[in-house]
Amino acid sequence: AILSASTLVGAIITLVFHISVDGFIGAAISVFILKAGVEMRLESVFKVIGNRPDSEITKGIKSEIRSIDGVMGAYDLIIHDYGPDYAIGSVHVELNKDLTARQIHILTKKIQNAILAKYRVFLTVGIYAASPAEERNTGIEGDIRAIVSSHEGVIGSHGYFIENGEVSFDTVMNFTVRDRAALCGEIKREIAAKYPELNVTINVDTDYSD
């Protein structure tokens, strides 16, 4: 409609003022069409190679998952968009480590159904076996959480699992951290200084969504 109107305006100017502006209007229309074409192509390419999902949607999905009774946390959300009505993704949730396989199955199905119904996203749900809420910020786990969070560049940590002298957890680091291995090494040294008997494994997560 805008392009057609500009052509009409050009014709009126030519008839009234006897000035030909067809060349200028044609150039403007060409630029407009090229811009629209490039934007459409980039949108298609981003859908194929993957782009960061909308912040409002990802925050809504995580909030919905956390609202389900029994879920202690939701992390590592990834969404692959294949069009206006189809998207798949994955998420990790923290559940009480003492739950049975039957209870976990019921919870993961509840998560899948809730997100599919509200957001039209089918999620594969991974599990972190987590300590009860009252233990998370006390004892060894509380000390390690404090050490990790004290480092600049660490956005957050989760998935803590402590068993038989083995400690593992995931940490999310800011994209500004140039040497993630060095930062992990520094965190491990600080933990070893306080708990030398522990063998620590750190998995560095990429912050794919808000």
Protein backbone atom coordinates (compact mmCIF):
# COMPACT_ATOMS: atom_id res chain seq x y z
CA ALA A 1 0.00 0.00 0.00
CA ILE A 2 2.80 2.42 0.86
CA LEU A 3 4.69 1.64 -2.35
CA SER A 4 1.57 2.10 -4.46
CA ALA A 5 0.79 5.38 -2.70
CA SER A 6 4.31 6.67 -3.37
CA THR A 7 3.86 5.93 -7.07
CA LEU A 8 0.60 7.89 -7.05
CA VAL A 9 2.27 10.80 -5.26
CA GLY A 10 5.02 10.82 -7.87
CA ALA A 11 2.47 10.93 -10.68
CA ILE A 12 0.60 13.84 -9.01
CA ILE A 13 3.85 15.82 -8.55
CA THR A 14 4.70 15.28 -12.22
CA LEU A 15 1.23 16.43 -13.38
CA VAL A 16 1.04 19.47 -11.08
CA PHE A 17 4.63 20.73 -10.97
CA HIS A 18 5.94 19.19 -14.20
CA ILE A 19 8.85 17.73 -12.28
CA SER A 20 9.79 14.10 -12.81
CA VAL A 21 10.56 12.34 -9.53
CA ASP A 22 10.08 8.82 -10.86
CA GLY A 23 13.80 8.05 -10.59
CA PHE A 24 13.97 9.07 -6.93
CA ILE A 25 10.81 7.17 -6.04
CA GLY A 26 12.03 4.11 -7.95
CA ALA A 27 15.32 4.17 -6.05
CA ALA A 28 13.51 4.50 -2.72
CA ILE A 29 11.20 1.60 -3.61
CA SER A 30 14.20 -0.53 -4.60
CA VAL A 31 15.92 0.13 -1.29
CA PHE A 32 12.71 -0.69 0.58
CA ILE A 33 12.33 -4.01 -1.27
CA LEU A 34 16.00 -4.94 -0.75
CA LYS A 35 15.74 -4.16 2.97
CA ALA A 36 12.59 -6.28 3.32
CA GLY A 37 14.23 -9.15 1.41
CA VAL A 38 17.37 -9.11 3.56
CA GLU A 39 15.30 -9.04 6.77
CA MET A 40 13.18 -11.99 5.62
CA ARG A 41 16.28 -14.00 4.69
CA LEU A 42 18.00 -13.23 8.00
CA GLU A 43 14.89 -14.27 9.92
CA SER A 44 14.87 -17.61 8.10
CA VAL A 45 18.60 -18.13 8.67
CA PHE A 46 18.32 -17.35 12.38
CA LYS A 47 15.54 -19.91 12.75
CA VAL A 48 17.75 -22.55 11.12
CA ILE A 49 20.98 -21.85 13.03
CA GLY A 50 19.20 -20.93 16.27
CA ASN A 51 18.79 -17.59 18.02
CA ARG A 52 18.17 -16.56 21.59
CA PRO A 53 14.49 -17.11 22.45
CA ASP A 54 12.27 -14.31 23.62
CA SER A 55 13.07 -13.37 27.22
CA GLU A 56 9.43 -13.00 28.23
CA ILE A 57 8.63 -16.52 27.01
CA THR A 58 11.62 -18.23 28.65
CA LYS A 59 11.05 -16.48 31.96
CA GLY A 60 7.37 -17.45 31.79
CA ILE A 61 8.21 -21.09 31.09
CA LYS A 62 10.68 -21.29 33.98
CA SER A 63 8.21 -19.61 36.30
CA GLU A 64 5.48 -22.05 35.25
CA ILE A 65 7.77 -25.02 35.89
CA ARG A 66 8.85 -23.74 39.30
CA SER A 67 5.21 -23.29 40.30
CA ILE A 68 4.59 -27.04 40.00
CA ASP A 69 4.60 -28.69 43.41
CA GLY A 70 7.78 -30.70 43.95
CA VAL A 71 9.99 -28.72 41.55
CA MET A 72 12.86 -26.97 43.34
CA GLY A 73 14.41 -25.18 40.36
CA ALA A 74 14.42 -24.93 36.56
CA TYR A 75 17.61 -24.35 34.55
CA ASP A 76 19.36 -24.80 31.19
CA LEU A 77 16.27 -24.02 29.13
CA ILE A 78 16.87 -24.34 25.38
CA ILE A 79 14.17 -23.78 22.75
CA HIS A 80 14.34 -24.60 19.03
CA ASP A 81 11.69 -22.70 17.08
CA TYR A 82 10.40 -24.40 13.91
CA GLY A 83 7.59 -22.04 13.06
CA PRO A 84 4.64 -20.25 14.63
CA ASP A 85 3.02 -23.41 15.99
CA TYR A 86 5.89 -25.80 16.63
CA ALA A 87 8.83 -25.63 19.00
CA ILE A 88 10.80 -28.19 20.96
CA GLY A 89 13.24 -27.72 23.78
CA SER A 90 14.90 -29.10 26.87
CA VAL A 91 15.15 -28.08 30.49
CA HIS A 92 16.76 -29.39 33.67
CA VAL A 93 14.78 -29.36 36.90
CA GLU A 94 15.93 -29.86 40.45
CA LEU A 95 13.94 -32.49 42.32
CA ASN A 96 14.36 -33.91 45.81
CA LYS A 97 17.00 -36.65 45.62
CA ASP A 98 14.81 -39.01 47.65
CA LEU A 99 11.95 -39.15 45.13
CA THR A 100 11.17 -42.51 43.53
CA ALA A 101 11.31 -43.15 39.78
CA ARG A 102 7.50 -43.26 39.76
CA GLN A 103 7.24 -39.83 41.42
CA ILE A 104 9.81 -38.36 39.02
CA HIS A 105 7.92 -39.78 36.03
CA ILE A 106 4.68 -38.16 37.21
CA LEU A 107 6.38 -34.80 37.75
CA THR A 108 8.16 -34.72 34.38
CA LYS A 109 4.92 -35.59 32.57
CA LYS A 110 3.14 -32.83 34.46
CA ILE A 111 5.83 -30.36 33.39
CA GLN A 112 5.65 -31.44 29.74
CA ASN A 113 1.87 -31.22 29.60
CA ALA A 114 1.70 -27.83 31.34
CA ILE A 115 4.27 -26.17 29.06
CA LEU A 116 2.87 -27.74 25.89
CA ALA A 117 -0.65 -26.57 26.73
CA LYS A 118 0.32 -23.00 27.63
CA TYR A 119 3.33 -22.26 25.38
CA ARG A 120 3.09 -24.84 22.58
CA VAL A 121 6.63 -26.03 23.37
CA PHE A 122 7.39 -29.73 23.84
CA LEU A 123 10.12 -30.11 26.46
CA THR A 124 12.50 -32.93 27.20
CA VAL A 125 13.05 -32.81 30.95
CA GLY A 126 16.38 -33.68 32.57
CA ILE A 127 16.82 -34.19 36.29
CA TYR A 128 19.13 -32.85 38.98
CA ALA A 129 18.97 -34.79 42.26
CA ALA A 130 18.92 -31.95 44.78
CA SER A 131 19.23 -31.69 48.54
CA PRO A 132 16.14 -30.70 50.52
CA ALA A 133 15.61 -26.93 50.71
CA GLU A 134 16.69 -26.70 54.36
CA GLU A 135 20.10 -28.23 53.55
CA ARG A 136 20.99 -26.20 50.47
CA ASN A 137 22.54 -23.22 52.21
CA THR A 138 24.09 -25.04 55.15
CA GLY A 139 27.06 -27.34 55.66
CA ILE A 140 29.35 -28.28 52.78
CA GLU A 141 26.88 -27.32 50.05
CA GLY A 142 26.24 -23.93 51.60
CA ASP A 143 29.98 -23.23 51.86
CA ILE A 144 30.59 -24.24 48.23
CA ARG A 145 27.67 -22.13 46.99
CA ALA A 146 29.13 -19.13 48.82
CA ILE A 147 32.58 -19.69 47.28
CA VAL A 148 31.17 -20.01 43.76
CA SER A 149 28.90 -16.97 44.00
CA SER A 150 31.72 -14.78 45.33
CA HIS A 151 33.49 -14.82 41.94
CA GLU A 152 32.88 -12.03 39.46
CA GLY A 153 31.58 -13.40 36.20
CA VAL A 154 29.55 -16.20 37.77
CA ILE A 155 25.86 -15.64 37.04
CA GLY A 156 24.64 -18.60 39.08
CA SER A 157 25.15 -22.24 39.99
CA HIS A 158 22.87 -25.25 40.40
CA GLY A 159 22.66 -29.02 40.24
CA TYR A 160 24.75 -29.59 43.34
CA PHE A 161 25.33 -33.28 44.12
CA ILE A 162 27.53 -34.41 46.99
CA GLU A 163 28.10 -38.12 47.54
CA ASN A 164 31.01 -40.21 48.88
CA GLY A 165 33.59 -37.43 48.62
CA GLU A 166 32.48 -36.45 45.10
CA VAL A 167 31.03 -33.00 44.43
CA SER A 168 29.55 -31.92 41.10
CA PHE A 169 27.60 -28.86 40.07
CA ASP A 170 26.89 -26.62 37.09
CA THR A 171 27.84 -22.98 36.94
CA VAL A 172 26.65 -20.33 34.50
CA MET A 173 29.27 -17.77 33.58
CA ASN A 174 28.93 -14.43 31.90
CA PHE A 175 30.01 -14.21 28.25
CA THR A 176 32.60 -11.62 29.34
CA VAL A 177 34.63 -14.35 31.10
CA ARG A 178 37.44 -15.00 28.62
CA ASP A 179 39.12 -17.95 30.33
CA ARG A 180 36.43 -20.15 31.87
CA ALA A 181 38.86 -22.99 32.59
CA ALA A 182 41.01 -20.64 34.67
CA LEU A 183 38.01 -19.46 36.67
CA CYS A 184 36.94 -23.06 37.29
CA GLY A 185 40.48 -23.83 38.46
CA GLU A 186 40.39 -20.91 40.88
CA ILE A 187 37.03 -22.04 42.30
CA LYS A 188 38.34 -25.60 42.72
CA ARG A 189 41.43 -24.36 44.57
CA GLU A 190 39.31 -22.35 47.01
CA ILE A 191 37.06 -25.34 47.66
CA ALA A 192 40.10 -27.62 48.11
CA ALA A 193 41.56 -25.20 50.64
CA LYS A 194 38.48 -25.68 52.82
CA TYR A 195 37.60 -29.27 51.93
CA PRO A 196 40.77 -31.03 50.70
CA GLU A 197 39.10 -34.44 50.87
CA LEU A 198 36.57 -33.58 48.16
CA ASN A 199 36.93 -34.29 44.45
CA VAL A 200 35.17 -31.44 42.62
CA THR A 201 33.72 -31.53 39.12
CA ILE A 202 32.42 -28.30 37.58
CA ASN A 203 30.34 -28.21 34.41
CA VAL A 204 30.20 -24.79 32.76
CA ASP A 205 26.78 -24.05 31.28
CA THR A 206 26.14 -21.61 28.46
CA ASP A 207 23.47 -19.03 29.23
CA TYR A 208 21.19 -19.88 26.29
CA SER A 209 18.09 -18.19 27.71
CA ASP A 210 17.04 -15.71 30.39
